[in-house]
N, C-alpha and C. Protein backbone atom coordinates (compact mmCIF):
# COMPACT_ATOMS: atom_id res chain seq x y z
N MET A 1 106.99 94.47 88.27
CA MET A 1 105.92 95.10 87.53
C MET A 1 105.12 94.01 86.84
N ASN A 2 103.79 94.12 86.94
CA ASN A 2 102.91 93.15 86.31
C ASN A 2 101.72 93.90 85.73
N ARG A 3 101.74 94.14 84.44
CA ARG A 3 100.65 94.90 83.80
C ARG A 3 99.32 94.17 83.89
N ALA A 4 99.32 92.84 83.81
CA ALA A 4 98.08 92.06 83.90
C ALA A 4 97.43 92.24 85.27
N ASN A 5 98.23 92.43 86.31
CA ASN A 5 97.71 92.64 87.67
C ASN A 5 97.59 94.13 88.00
N ASN A 6 97.90 95.00 87.03
CA ASN A 6 97.84 96.45 87.22
C ASN A 6 98.67 96.90 88.41
N SER A 7 99.86 96.33 88.57
CA SER A 7 100.62 96.67 89.77
C SER A 7 102.13 96.65 89.58
N ILE A 8 102.76 97.47 90.38
CA ILE A 8 104.20 97.41 90.62
C ILE A 8 104.30 97.12 92.11
N SER A 9 104.99 96.05 92.48
CA SER A 9 105.02 95.65 93.89
C SER A 9 106.38 95.89 94.52
N PHE A 10 106.34 96.26 95.77
CA PHE A 10 107.52 96.47 96.60
C PHE A 10 107.33 95.65 97.86
N VAL A 11 108.09 94.58 98.01
CA VAL A 11 107.94 93.67 99.14
C VAL A 11 108.67 94.26 100.35
N LEU A 12 107.96 94.39 101.47
CA LEU A 12 108.56 94.88 102.71
C LEU A 12 109.06 93.74 103.57
N TRP A 13 108.31 92.62 103.61
CA TRP A 13 108.77 91.44 104.33
C TRP A 13 108.15 90.20 103.71
N ARG A 14 108.82 89.08 103.91
CA ARG A 14 108.35 87.81 103.38
C ARG A 14 108.85 86.70 104.29
N THR A 15 107.97 85.71 104.52
CA THR A 15 108.39 84.51 105.24
C THR A 15 108.65 83.42 104.23
N GLY A 16 109.62 82.64 104.46
CA GLY A 16 109.93 81.55 103.55
C GLY A 16 109.66 80.19 104.17
N LEU A 17 109.09 80.22 105.35
CA LEU A 17 108.80 78.99 106.05
C LEU A 17 107.43 78.46 105.63
N VAL A 18 106.95 77.42 106.30
CA VAL A 18 105.63 76.88 106.01
C VAL A 18 104.60 78.00 106.14
N GLY A 19 103.67 78.07 105.21
CA GLY A 19 102.67 79.13 105.23
C GLY A 19 103.21 80.42 104.67
N ASP A 20 103.82 80.37 103.51
CA ASP A 20 104.44 81.52 102.87
C ASP A 20 103.52 82.74 102.91
N ALA A 21 104.03 83.86 103.39
CA ALA A 21 103.28 85.11 103.45
C ALA A 21 104.23 86.27 103.15
N SER A 22 103.65 87.36 102.65
CA SER A 22 104.44 88.55 102.39
C SER A 22 103.55 89.77 102.54
N ALA A 23 104.19 90.92 102.67
CA ALA A 23 103.46 92.19 102.74
C ALA A 23 104.33 93.26 102.11
N GLY A 24 103.67 94.31 101.65
CA GLY A 24 104.42 95.38 101.02
C GLY A 24 103.51 96.44 100.46
N LEU A 25 104.01 97.12 99.44
CA LEU A 25 103.28 98.19 98.79
C LEU A 25 103.00 97.82 97.35
N LEU A 26 101.81 98.17 96.89
CA LEU A 26 101.44 98.01 95.49
C LEU A 26 101.14 99.39 94.93
N TYR A 27 101.67 99.64 93.75
CA TYR A 27 101.36 100.88 93.03
C TYR A 27 100.47 100.51 91.85
N ALA A 28 99.33 101.18 91.71
CA ALA A 28 98.41 100.90 90.61
C ALA A 28 98.89 101.62 89.35
N ILE A 29 99.20 100.86 88.31
CA ILE A 29 99.64 101.43 87.04
C ILE A 29 98.51 102.26 86.44
N ASP A 30 97.31 101.67 86.39
CA ASP A 30 96.11 102.34 85.91
C ASP A 30 95.31 102.75 87.14
N THR A 31 95.06 104.03 87.31
CA THR A 31 94.41 104.50 88.54
C THR A 31 92.89 104.46 88.48
N ASP A 32 92.31 103.83 87.47
CA ASP A 32 90.86 103.66 87.40
C ASP A 32 90.39 102.90 88.62
N GLU A 33 89.40 103.42 89.34
CA GLU A 33 88.94 102.81 90.59
C GLU A 33 88.38 101.40 90.41
N ASP A 34 87.96 101.06 89.20
CA ASP A 34 87.43 99.72 88.94
C ASP A 34 88.53 98.70 88.65
N ASN A 35 89.75 99.15 88.57
CA ASN A 35 90.88 98.28 88.23
C ASN A 35 91.93 98.33 89.33
N LEU A 36 91.59 97.75 90.49
CA LEU A 36 92.51 97.76 91.64
C LEU A 36 93.72 96.88 91.36
N PRO A 37 94.88 97.23 91.91
CA PRO A 37 96.05 96.38 91.75
C PRO A 37 95.87 95.08 92.53
N THR A 38 96.57 94.06 92.12
CA THR A 38 96.49 92.78 92.82
C THR A 38 97.85 92.08 92.75
N THR A 39 97.96 91.01 93.49
CA THR A 39 99.15 90.17 93.48
C THR A 39 98.74 88.75 93.83
N GLN A 40 99.61 87.81 93.61
CA GLN A 40 99.29 86.41 93.87
C GLN A 40 99.00 86.20 95.36
N PHE A 41 97.92 85.46 95.67
CA PHE A 41 97.50 85.10 97.03
C PHE A 41 97.14 86.31 97.90
N LEU A 42 96.62 87.36 97.29
CA LEU A 42 96.24 88.58 97.99
C LEU A 42 95.14 88.31 99.01
N THR A 43 95.36 88.71 100.26
CA THR A 43 94.36 88.54 101.31
C THR A 43 93.92 89.86 101.93
N GLU A 44 94.70 90.92 101.74
CA GLU A 44 94.34 92.23 102.29
C GLU A 44 94.90 93.32 101.39
N LEU A 45 94.07 94.34 101.12
CA LEU A 45 94.48 95.47 100.30
C LEU A 45 93.90 96.73 100.92
N GLN A 46 94.78 97.62 101.40
CA GLN A 46 94.36 98.85 102.07
C GLN A 46 94.89 100.06 101.30
N PRO A 47 94.01 100.97 100.90
CA PRO A 47 94.50 102.18 100.22
C PRO A 47 95.31 103.05 101.18
N MET A 48 96.32 103.71 100.64
CA MET A 48 97.12 104.63 101.44
C MET A 48 96.67 106.05 101.14
N GLN A 49 97.19 107.02 101.85
CA GLN A 49 96.78 108.41 101.66
C GLN A 49 97.18 108.95 100.30
N THR A 50 98.29 108.48 99.76
CA THR A 50 98.75 108.92 98.45
C THR A 50 98.03 108.13 97.37
N ASN A 51 97.48 108.83 96.40
CA ASN A 51 96.72 108.21 95.32
C ASN A 51 97.52 107.12 94.61
N ALA A 52 96.87 106.00 94.32
CA ALA A 52 97.41 104.88 93.56
C ALA A 52 98.33 103.96 94.36
N TRP A 53 98.54 104.21 95.64
CA TRP A 53 99.38 103.37 96.49
C TRP A 53 98.52 102.58 97.47
N TYR A 54 98.90 101.31 97.67
CA TYR A 54 98.16 100.40 98.54
C TYR A 54 99.12 99.58 99.38
N TYR A 55 98.72 99.27 100.60
CA TYR A 55 99.43 98.31 101.44
C TYR A 55 98.75 96.97 101.22
N TYR A 56 99.54 95.91 101.04
CA TYR A 56 98.94 94.59 100.81
C TYR A 56 99.54 93.53 101.72
N VAL A 57 98.76 92.49 101.94
CA VAL A 57 99.22 91.28 102.59
C VAL A 57 98.83 90.12 101.68
N ALA A 58 99.76 89.25 101.41
CA ALA A 58 99.51 88.06 100.61
C ALA A 58 99.91 86.86 101.45
N ASP A 59 98.92 86.09 101.86
CA ASP A 59 99.15 84.95 102.75
C ASP A 59 98.58 83.69 102.09
N TYR A 60 99.46 82.82 101.63
CA TYR A 60 99.01 81.63 100.90
C TYR A 60 98.06 80.77 101.72
N GLU A 61 98.38 80.51 102.97
CA GLU A 61 97.54 79.62 103.79
C GLU A 61 96.14 80.21 103.98
N GLU A 62 96.05 81.49 104.28
CA GLU A 62 94.74 82.14 104.45
C GLU A 62 93.98 82.14 103.13
N TRP A 63 94.66 82.45 102.03
CA TRP A 63 94.05 82.46 100.71
C TRP A 63 93.51 81.07 100.36
N ARG A 64 94.29 80.05 100.63
CA ARG A 64 93.91 78.68 100.31
C ARG A 64 92.66 78.25 101.08
N ILE A 65 92.58 78.61 102.34
CA ILE A 65 91.43 78.25 103.18
C ILE A 65 90.17 78.96 102.70
N ASP A 66 90.30 80.21 102.31
CA ASP A 66 89.15 81.00 101.85
C ASP A 66 88.64 80.55 100.48
N ARG A 67 89.44 79.82 99.74
CA ARG A 67 89.02 79.38 98.41
C ARG A 67 88.42 78.03 98.55
């Protein structure tokens, strides 16, 4: 749980090798549409059918290149 990121995260998979990446579910603590949940190195955020739930991908290498 991270109140600053407005999220509770549930990791579904993670790589620990070069190019650390993970994916899972984020639950938005505050459901205000202007305050989307986030996580470190977020590269993809897709809303799910259930309100306040999102599928996310966090890929350090992709994030680093885009910055």
